[in-house]
Every structure is written in structure tokens, then in C-alpha cells.
Protein backbone atom coordinates (compact mmCIF):
# COMPACT_ATOMS: atom_id res chain seq x y z
CA MET A 1 0.00 0.00 0.00
CA GLU A 2 2.81 2.43 0.85
CA ILE A 3 4.49 1.80 -2.51
CA GLU A 4 1.18 2.38 -4.34
CA THR A 5 0.63 5.61 -2.38
CA GLU A 6 4.07 6.90 -3.35
CA LEU A 7 3.41 6.06 -7.01
CA VAL A 8 0.11 7.94 -6.87
CA LYS A 9 1.86 10.97 -5.34
CA GLU A 10 4.42 10.92 -8.13
CA LYS A 11 1.71 10.78 -10.81
CA ILE A 12 -0.53 13.43 -9.22
CA LYS A 13 1.60 16.53 -8.94
CA ILE A 14 0.26 19.88 -7.80
CA PRO A 15 0.49 22.18 -10.85
CA PHE A 16 1.34 25.21 -8.68
CA ASN A 17 4.66 26.09 -7.12
CA ALA A 18 6.14 28.93 -5.10
CA TYR A 19 6.60 31.08 -8.20
CA ASP A 20 2.89 30.84 -9.02
CA ILE A 21 2.12 32.21 -5.56
CA PHE A 22 4.79 34.89 -5.28
CA GLY A 23 5.16 35.65 -8.98
CA TYR A 24 1.50 35.74 -10.04
CA LEU A 25 -1.05 35.34 -7.26
CA LEU A 26 0.35 37.85 -4.75
CA PRO A 27 1.01 40.59 -7.34
CA GLY A 28 -2.55 40.10 -8.60
CA ILE A 29 -3.95 40.30 -5.07
CA ILE A 30 -1.89 43.41 -4.29
CA THR A 31 -3.08 45.11 -7.49
CA LEU A 32 -6.74 44.41 -6.73
CA LEU A 33 -6.35 45.21 -3.03
CA ALA A 34 -4.65 48.55 -3.73
CA ILE A 35 -7.38 49.58 -6.19
CA TYR A 36 -10.09 48.35 -3.83
CA SER A 37 -8.62 50.33 -0.91
CA PHE A 38 -8.67 53.52 -3.01
CA GLU A 39 -12.28 52.98 -4.07
CA PHE A 40 -13.32 51.93 -0.55
CA TRP A 41 -11.87 55.11 0.98
CA THR A 42 -13.57 57.15 -1.75
CA LYS A 43 -16.91 55.49 -0.92
CA LEU A 44 -16.46 56.38 2.76
CA GLN A 45 -16.06 60.03 1.81
CA ILE A 46 -19.13 59.89 -0.46
CA ASP A 47 -21.25 58.51 2.39
CA LYS A 48 -20.35 61.54 4.53
CA LEU A 49 -21.81 63.99 2.02
CA THR A 50 -25.25 65.49 2.55
CA ASN A 51 -25.96 65.11 -1.16
CA PRO A 52 -24.14 61.93 -2.29
CA ILE A 53 -22.51 61.99 -5.72
CA ASN A 54 -22.32 59.16 -8.22
CA LEU A 55 -18.65 58.35 -8.70
CA HIS A 56 -17.75 55.38 -10.87
CA LEU A 57 -16.07 52.78 -8.61
CA PRO A 58 -16.26 49.56 -10.68
CA LEU A 59 -14.13 47.17 -8.62
CA LEU A 60 -15.73 48.12 -5.30
CA ARG A 61 -19.21 47.83 -6.78
CA ALA A 62 -18.52 44.47 -8.43
CA ILE A 63 -17.10 42.93 -5.25
CA ASN A 64 -19.82 44.37 -3.01
CA ILE A 65 -22.69 43.24 -5.24
CA SER A 66 -21.34 39.73 -5.76
CA GLY A 67 -20.39 39.47 -2.07
CA GLU A 68 -23.87 40.47 -0.90
CA MET A 69 -25.49 37.95 -3.24
CA VAL A 70 -23.26 35.18 -1.93
CA PHE A 71 -23.35 35.89 1.81
CA GLU A 72 -27.09 36.62 1.97
CA THR A 73 -27.77 33.01 1.00
CA ASN A 74 -25.69 31.87 4.00
CA LYS A 75 -24.48 28.77 2.16
CA TRP A 76 -20.86 27.83 2.56
CA PRO A 77 -20.43 26.27 -0.93
CA LEU A 78 -21.31 29.61 -2.53
CA SER A 79 -18.96 31.42 -0.16
CA ALA A 80 -16.16 29.01 -1.02
CA MET A 81 -16.83 29.47 -4.74
CA PHE A 82 -16.77 33.25 -4.25
CA PHE A 83 -13.31 33.18 -2.66
CA ILE A 84 -12.04 30.71 -5.26
CA ALA A 85 -13.32 33.01 -8.01
CA ILE A 86 -11.48 35.96 -6.44
CA LEU A 87 -8.26 33.92 -6.27
CA ILE A 88 -8.63 32.90 -9.92
CA ILE A 89 -9.23 36.50 -10.97
CA ALA A 90 -6.22 37.61 -8.89
CA TYR A 91 -4.10 34.90 -10.53
CA ILE A 92 -5.16 36.08 -14.00
CA VAL A 93 -4.46 39.70 -13.05
CA GLY A 94 -1.07 38.54 -11.77
CA HIS A 95 -0.24 37.13 -15.21
CA ILE A 96 -1.22 40.45 -16.77
CA VAL A 97 0.99 42.27 -14.25
CA SER A 98 3.83 39.88 -15.10
CA SER A 99 3.45 40.54 -18.84
CA VAL A 100 3.41 44.31 -18.32
CA SER A 101 6.39 44.00 -15.98
CA SER A 102 8.44 41.93 -18.43
CA PHE A 103 7.76 44.26 -21.34
CA PHE A 104 8.10 47.69 -19.76
CA ILE A 105 10.72 47.02 -17.08
CA ASP A 106 12.81 44.20 -18.50
CA ARG A 107 12.63 44.80 -22.25
CA ILE A 108 12.37 48.60 -22.32
CA PHE A 109 13.71 50.14 -19.10
CA VAL A 110 16.56 47.68 -18.48
CA PHE A 111 17.45 46.45 -21.97
CA LYS A 112 16.87 49.68 -23.90
CA GLY A 113 17.95 52.06 -21.14
CA TYR A 114 21.00 50.24 -19.79
CA GLY A 115 21.67 46.98 -21.51
CA TYR A 116 21.47 43.68 -19.68
CA PRO A 117 23.71 43.28 -16.61
CA TYR A 118 26.07 40.81 -18.27
CA GLN A 119 27.13 43.54 -20.72
CA LEU A 120 28.30 45.87 -17.97
CA LEU A 121 29.65 43.17 -15.64
CA LEU A 122 31.80 41.59 -18.35
CA ASN A 123 32.42 44.76 -20.36
CA LEU A 124 30.85 43.13 -23.43
CA ASN A 125 28.66 44.64 -26.16
CA LEU A 126 28.15 47.87 -24.23
CA PRO A 127 25.71 50.37 -25.77
CA ASP A 128 27.38 52.77 -28.20
CA GLU A 129 28.26 56.06 -26.51
CA LYS A 130 27.14 57.88 -29.67
CA SER A 131 23.77 56.14 -29.66
CA TYR A 132 20.70 58.17 -28.72
CA THR A 133 18.66 55.16 -27.66
CA PRO A 134 19.80 54.38 -24.06
CA SER A 135 19.72 58.04 -23.01
CA PHE A 136 16.34 58.54 -24.65
CA TYR A 137 14.68 55.66 -22.80
CA ARG A 138 16.16 56.67 -19.44
CA GLY A 139 15.05 60.25 -19.98
CA PHE A 140 11.60 59.20 -21.13
CA PHE A 141 11.18 57.08 -17.99
CA PHE A 142 12.04 60.10 -15.82
CA TRP A 143 10.06 62.81 -17.58
CA ALA A 144 6.96 60.73 -18.31
CA ASN A 145 6.64 59.89 -14.62
CA ALA A 146 7.32 63.53 -13.70
CA TYR A 147 4.49 64.53 -16.04
CA PHE A 148 2.08 62.01 -14.49
CA LEU A 149 2.96 63.21 -10.99
CA LEU A 150 2.46 66.86 -11.91
CA ARG A 151 -0.81 66.11 -13.67
CA PHE A 152 -1.92 64.12 -10.65
CA TYR A 153 -0.93 66.96 -8.29
CA ILE A 154 -2.96 69.47 -10.33
CA THR A 155 -6.16 67.57 -9.53
CA LEU A 156 -5.55 68.48 -5.88
CA TYR A 157 -4.08 71.96 -6.32
CA PRO A 158 -5.14 73.41 -9.71
CA LYS A 159 -2.70 76.33 -9.80
CA GLN A 160 -2.08 78.25 -13.02
CA TRP A 161 1.69 77.84 -12.88
CA LEU A 162 1.26 74.08 -12.47
CA TRP A 163 -0.97 73.95 -15.54
CA GLU A 164 1.59 75.90 -17.56
CA THR A 165 4.48 73.73 -16.30
CA THR A 166 2.63 70.54 -17.17
CA PHE A 167 1.64 71.89 -20.57
CA TRP A 168 5.22 72.77 -21.57
CA LEU A 169 6.62 69.58 -20.04
CA GLY A 170 4.22 67.54 -22.16
CA TRP A 171 5.29 69.33 -25.32
CA TYR A 172 8.96 68.95 -24.33
CA ILE A 173 8.52 65.17 -24.11
CA VAL A 174 6.66 65.09 -27.44
CA ALA A 175 9.40 67.17 -29.12
CA VAL A 176 12.17 64.84 -27.92
CA VAL A 177 10.17 61.78 -29.02
CA ILE A 178 9.80 63.31 -32.51
CA LEU A 179 13.53 64.12 -32.50
CA LYS A 180 14.40 60.53 -31.56
CA VAL A 181 12.11 59.04 -34.21
CA GLY A 182 13.57 61.37 -36.84
CA LEU A 183 17.15 60.48 -35.90
CA SER A 184 16.35 56.76 -35.95
CA HIS A 185 14.93 57.03 -39.47
CA PHE A 186 17.87 59.18 -40.56
CA LYS A 187 20.34 56.49 -39.47
CA LYS A 188 18.53 53.91 -41.60
CA TYR A 189 19.41 55.82 -44.78
CA PRO A 190 22.53 54.80 -46.74
CA ILE A 191 25.72 56.63 -45.76
CA ILE A 192 25.75 58.57 -49.04
CA GLU A 193 22.21 59.85 -48.45
CA GLN A 194 23.12 60.83 -44.88
CA GLN A 195 26.11 62.83 -46.10
CA LYS A 196 23.99 64.61 -48.74
CA LEU A 197 21.42 65.60 -46.12
CA LYS A 198 24.13 66.82 -43.76
CA SER A 199 25.66 68.94 -46.52
CA LEU A 200 22.24 70.43 -47.30
CA ILE A 201 21.67 71.30 -43.64
CA GLU A 202 25.13 72.84 -43.28
CA SER A 203 24.48 75.02 -46.34
CA TYR A 204 21.11 76.48 -45.36
CA ALA A 205 20.57 75.91 -41.63
CA PRO A 206 21.34 78.48 -38.90
CA PRO A 207 24.78 78.14 -37.22
CA LEU A 208 23.31 76.33 -34.21
CA LEU A 209 21.82 73.58 -36.39
CA LYS A 210 24.77 73.02 -38.71
CA ASN A 211 26.04 70.30 -36.39
CA PHE A 212 22.53 69.05 -35.76
CA ASP A 213 23.67 65.52 -34.86
CA LYS A 214 25.85 66.85 -32.03
CA VAL A 215 23.11 69.23 -30.90
CA ALA A 216 20.57 66.40 -30.90
CA LEU A 217 22.93 64.16 -28.93
CA PHE A 218 23.45 66.93 -26.37
CA ILE A 219 19.68 67.43 -25.99
CA VAL A 220 18.91 63.73 -25.58
CA ARG A 221 21.88 62.75 -23.43
CA TYR A 222 22.31 65.76 -21.15
CA LEU A 223 19.03 67.67 -21.09
CA PHE A 224 16.60 64.78 -21.45
CA ALA A 225 18.43 61.97 -19.63
CA GLY A 226 20.68 64.14 -17.45
CA PRO A 227 18.38 64.53 -14.40
CA TYR A 228 17.69 60.79 -14.27
CA ASP A 229 21.37 59.90 -14.73
CA LEU A 230 22.39 62.18 -11.84
CA LEU A 231 19.89 60.53 -9.49
CA ALA A 232 20.78 57.03 -10.69
CA ARG A 233 24.51 57.68 -10.34
CA PHE A 234 24.01 58.90 -6.78
CA LEU A 235 21.90 55.86 -5.87
CA SER A 236 24.28 53.39 -7.54
CA GLN A 237 27.03 54.43 -5.12
CA PHE A 238 25.04 52.79 -2.33
CA ILE A 239 23.66 49.70 -4.08
CA ASN A 240 26.67 48.98 -6.37
CA THR A 241 24.69 48.61 -9.58
CA ARG A 242 27.45 50.11 -11.74
CA GLU A 243 30.24 47.91 -10.39
CA THR A 244 31.92 45.59 -12.92
CA PHE A 245 34.13 42.55 -12.51
CA ASN A 246 37.86 43.29 -12.53
CA SER A 247 39.88 42.75 -15.69
CA GLU A 248 41.56 39.55 -14.41
CA PHE A 249 38.20 37.90 -13.75
CA ILE A 250 36.82 38.99 -17.14
CA GLU A 251 39.79 37.59 -19.08
CA SER A 252 39.66 34.33 -17.14
CA TYR A 253 35.92 34.09 -17.78
CA LYS A 254 36.39 34.58 -21.53
CA GLU A 255 38.90 31.73 -21.63
CA LEU A 256 36.57 29.43 -19.68
CA PHE A 257 33.60 30.37 -21.87
CA ARG A 258 35.57 29.58 -25.03
CA SER A 259 36.89 26.28 -23.68
CA ASN A 260 33.42 25.11 -22.61
CA PHE A 261 31.28 26.31 -25.52
CA SER A 262 33.78 26.94 -28.35
CA LEU A 263 32.48 30.49 -28.67
CA ASP A 264 34.00 33.92 -28.30
CA ALA A 265 32.27 35.70 -25.41
CA LYS A 266 32.52 39.00 -27.30
CA ILE A 267 30.22 37.80 -30.09
CA ALA A 268 28.08 35.40 -28.05
CA GLY A 269 25.69 38.15 -26.95
CA SER A 270 23.05 37.07 -24.45
CA ASN A 271 24.32 33.49 -24.72
CA ASN A 272 26.90 34.58 -22.15
CA TYR A 273 24.07 34.53 -19.64
CA TRP A 274 22.00 31.61 -20.98
CA PHE A 275 24.87 29.18 -21.49
CA CYS A 276 26.28 29.90 -18.03
CA ALA A 277 22.87 29.51 -16.38
CA CYS A 278 22.29 26.18 -18.17
CA TYR A 279 25.80 25.05 -17.24
CA ILE A 280 25.11 25.72 -13.56
CA ALA A 281 21.76 23.89 -13.73
CA GLU A 282 23.48 20.84 -15.21
CA LYS A 283 26.58 20.75 -13.02
CA SER A 284 25.37 21.83 -9.56
CA PRO A 285 21.81 21.46 -8.20
CA VAL A 286 22.89 23.30 -5.03
CA LEU A 287 24.18 26.39 -6.83
CA ASN A 288 21.24 26.25 -9.22
CA ALA A 289 18.82 26.29 -6.27
CA MET A 290 20.54 29.43 -4.97
CA LEU A 291 20.29 30.95 -8.45
CA ILE A 292 16.57 30.13 -8.69
CA ASN A 293 16.05 31.72 -5.28
CA TRP A 294 17.56 35.02 -6.49
CA LEU A 295 15.47 34.73 -9.66
CA HIS A 296 12.27 34.40 -7.65
CA MET A 297 13.24 37.28 -5.38
CA TYR A 298 13.99 39.79 -8.14
CA SER A 299 10.94 38.66 -10.16
CA PHE A 300 8.73 39.17 -7.13
CA ALA A 301 10.13 42.68 -6.59
CA ARG A 302 9.62 43.54 -10.27
CA HIS A 303 6.03 42.28 -10.30
CA ILE A 304 5.14 44.07 -7.05
CA SER A 305 6.62 47.28 -8.44
CA THR A 306 4.40 46.92 -11.49
CA ALA A 307 1.37 46.06 -9.35
CA PHE A 308 1.70 49.27 -7.34
CA TYR A 309 2.32 51.31 -10.49
CA ILE A 310 -0.80 49.88 -12.16
CA ALA A 311 -2.76 50.78 -9.02
CA PHE A 312 -1.34 54.32 -9.11
CA PHE A 313 -2.17 54.68 -12.80
CA TYR A 314 -5.69 53.39 -12.21
CA CYS A 315 -6.20 56.02 -9.49
CA PHE A 316 -4.70 58.68 -11.76
CA ILE A 317 -7.08 57.83 -14.62
CA SER A 318 -10.06 57.67 -12.24
CA LEU A 319 -9.23 61.09 -10.78
CA PHE A 320 -8.53 62.55 -14.21
CA LEU A 321 -11.84 61.40 -15.71
CA GLN A 322 -13.93 62.31 -12.64
CA GLU A 323 -11.98 65.32 -11.40
CA GLN A 324 -14.99 67.62 -10.93
CA LEU A 325 -16.86 65.02 -8.87
CA PHE A 326 -13.85 64.30 -6.65
CA ASN A 327 -13.69 68.00 -5.78
CA PHE A 328 -16.91 67.60 -3.76
CA LEU A 329 -15.29 65.13 -1.36
CA ASN A 330 -13.90 65.97 2.07
CA TYR A 331 -10.37 64.98 3.15
CA ARG A 332 -9.22 65.05 -0.46
CA SER A 333 -5.59 65.40 0.61
CA VAL A 334 -5.78 62.03 2.38
CA LEU A 335 -7.55 60.50 -0.61
CA PHE A 336 -4.89 61.80 -2.99
CA LEU A 337 -2.12 60.61 -0.67
CA LEU A 338 -3.00 56.94 -1.23
CA PRO A 339 -2.09 56.89 -4.96
CA LEU A 340 1.16 58.72 -4.17
CA ILE A 341 2.00 56.00 -1.67
CA PHE A 342 1.41 53.43 -4.44
CA PHE A 343 3.72 55.39 -6.75
CA PHE A 344 6.62 55.62 -4.30
CA LEU A 345 6.20 51.99 -3.23
CA SER A 346 6.51 51.14 -6.91
CA LEU A 347 9.78 53.08 -7.16
CA ILE A 348 11.12 51.43 -4.01
CA MET A 349 10.34 47.96 -5.33
CA LEU A 350 11.79 48.86 -8.74
CA THR A 351 15.04 49.84 -7.04
CA ARG A 352 14.90 46.63 -5.04
CA PHE A 353 14.38 44.64 -8.26
CA TYR A 354 17.37 46.13 -10.07
CA TYR A 355 19.56 45.78 -6.99
CA LEU A 356 18.77 42.04 -6.71
CA TYR A 357 18.90 41.52 -10.47
CA PHE A 358 22.28 43.18 -10.96
CA SER A 359 24.18 42.90 -7.70
CA TYR A 360 23.09 39.40 -6.65
CA TYR A 361 21.50 37.32 -9.39
CA SER A 362 23.59 38.36 -12.40
CA LYS A 363 26.88 38.43 -10.50
CA PHE A 364 26.14 35.03 -8.99
CA VAL A 365 25.58 33.47 -12.45
CA PHE A 366 29.13 34.25 -13.59
CA ARG A 367 30.74 33.64 -10.22
CA ALA A 368 29.10 30.21 -10.00
CA PHE A 369 30.15 29.37 -13.57
CA TYR A 370 33.72 30.42 -12.75
CA LEU A 371 33.70 28.45 -9.50
CA LEU A 372 32.43 25.23 -11.09
CA ASN A 373 35.21 25.38 -13.65
CA LYS A 374 37.92 26.03 -11.08
CA ILE A 375 36.91 23.42 -8.51
CA LYS A 376 38.63 20.12 -9.17
CA PRO A 377 36.28 17.10 -8.86
CA LYS A 378 37.24 14.74 -6.07
């Protein structure tokens, strides 16, 4: 009987693991809970009014209506189904949060704005210093969020100077986006066509625009990305996210990479990471378990950051679309404080994510690969 029981356990495996809980379910729950808390507090303020107003609070209304229908029947199967349904919805929302997180944080903010950690750690395939792209994405991240914060603040304090600042900031962002798109298309032209266009500009353009490529680079790199880079450089001094491996380690790594995979690390691209991670998984279950632990930790931080940001953006859109109605509420400063808390929690968790991703997970991949090659088997 014991043998049969063990065989049954091996065949019937629970399809969920720790990553499903911490990577999908909890971020989904936090997203829904944050939005619900905002709408719940709003409803409390509406109930205090002499003449109640009709604000659109979809999540609160959906949960309250379905909850009342379930609990009024006083039947535990319906209550159980209600909670299961909420968990399923939270799990689905968690997958959406994960997709948004992977695209905007991993593929755009990290990859486009910095390059993946292996590039900096190993001094390989670093972004071109003359390229506009990394600076543009870092600057866009900074100024777009500054715009959202200002626009959000205006709903609480509609001052004329704030309106004017937000207006010009919005057009500044649009102008730089147009500049970046134009430069990207210009670089796709053949070299001969680029030289002809440059000659034409130098002949007829004002003195300031004769070296338009240098002027554009200055605008994107120093004016657009400069404020973000100053803050990031200051923060990186404390969390060591700009620290690379020393030259001796890098050269030794390149030799080991070539001897194991018959590839030059300089042209291997992201295979530097993938091959090393697969090597660790094959050679050392213990080190791989440590690696997976760091993976889960930084993924959780990234998803929670996105969950709080989605909650902030939901509150921002709700306030923006119903601004006149929200002005009737009391304690608006407290109500507006909640989305700001979501925003800064998102930034804190984003910093936590990059710290774990760069300083622990990515460094551990190459250190473990190096260690496994240097340890002599007994």
C-alpha cells in the first residue's frame, strides 16, 4: 500500500509552485487590493456627504454586489466558490501584471535604457556612446513619470503655474520623441544619403543647427536623460549597480567560456548569460537552487513594483476622468495621498528589483560558472 501511495503521489503533482504564488497570485492580489482600498476610501467620503454623488467605482461595486449575493444566502459552498473566483481573478491579473512588468521594465527600461547586466559586468557589447537610444529611454522614464505626478498633483491643487508647467513639459517630451524618431529614421538611410542631407543642412541651416547631430545628442543625453542619470549615479554608489568585474576575472571568464562552448564571449551576446545559467543547472543542483532563489526574489520585486504602479495609474485615470466630482469630497488630501503611496512603493520595489537583479542574481551566475570550472572534482 505504501508503494502504491508513493506512485500515486508521483503521478498526481500539484500544478502550482512557489513562483505561481509569489510571482502571479500575490502581485494580482496586491493590485486588486490597492485599487479596492482607493475605491473603498472614496466610498467612505461619499457617504459623509449630505448630497451623495455618483462616482464610478467599478471594482468596489462588483465585489460588493457579488459578495452580498453570496453571503445573503448563507451557504458555505457559494462562499467558497466566491473566494475561489477571487483567487482565480487575482491569478489572471497577476499574469497580466507579469506581462506588463516583463515588457516595460525588463525589455524597455533595463534592456533599452542600460543593456542587460552581463554587458556591464563583463564589459561586453556595451551600448554605443554615440547612440541616442539608451539616453532617450532613461530620460523618457524620468520625464513621463514627472508629467504624471504633476498632472496628478494638479487635480488636488489646480494652480495656473502648475498647468503651464505641465503643458510645456508635455510638449517637451513630445518634441524629444519626434527628434528621436527622426534620428532613428535618418540612421537607416545609406551613408551617401546621410552625407547629402548633412551637406544640405550645413548650407542652409542656422549656425546652431549646422552640427545638428551633435546638438541632438546633447539634448537627448544631457538635457533629457541628465536629471535621471544624476539621481541614478548617486543611488548606484550605495547599491553597487554600476560595479563591474575586474579585468583579471573577465579575461579568465572569456577563456573558460571559449573552452566550454567553443564560442567567443565578445560575439556570443546574451548566450553569455544563458549558457552559463544552463551550465550551472546541469553541473550543480545546489548552486542552481541558490540561483533560482535570487530569480524568484527579483521577479517578485519587479512584479510588485508593477502592481503598485498599475494601481497608481488606475487612481490617476479615475481622478482625471472624474476630477470635478472628486472636488466635492472631504479629506481630499488624504484621498490623494493613497495613490502617491502606491507610486513611491513602486519606485522602491523597482530599485529593489534592479539591486537584486544586478548585484546578486547576475553576478552570482558568472561567479558560480567560474567556481564550477575552477573546482577540481574529487
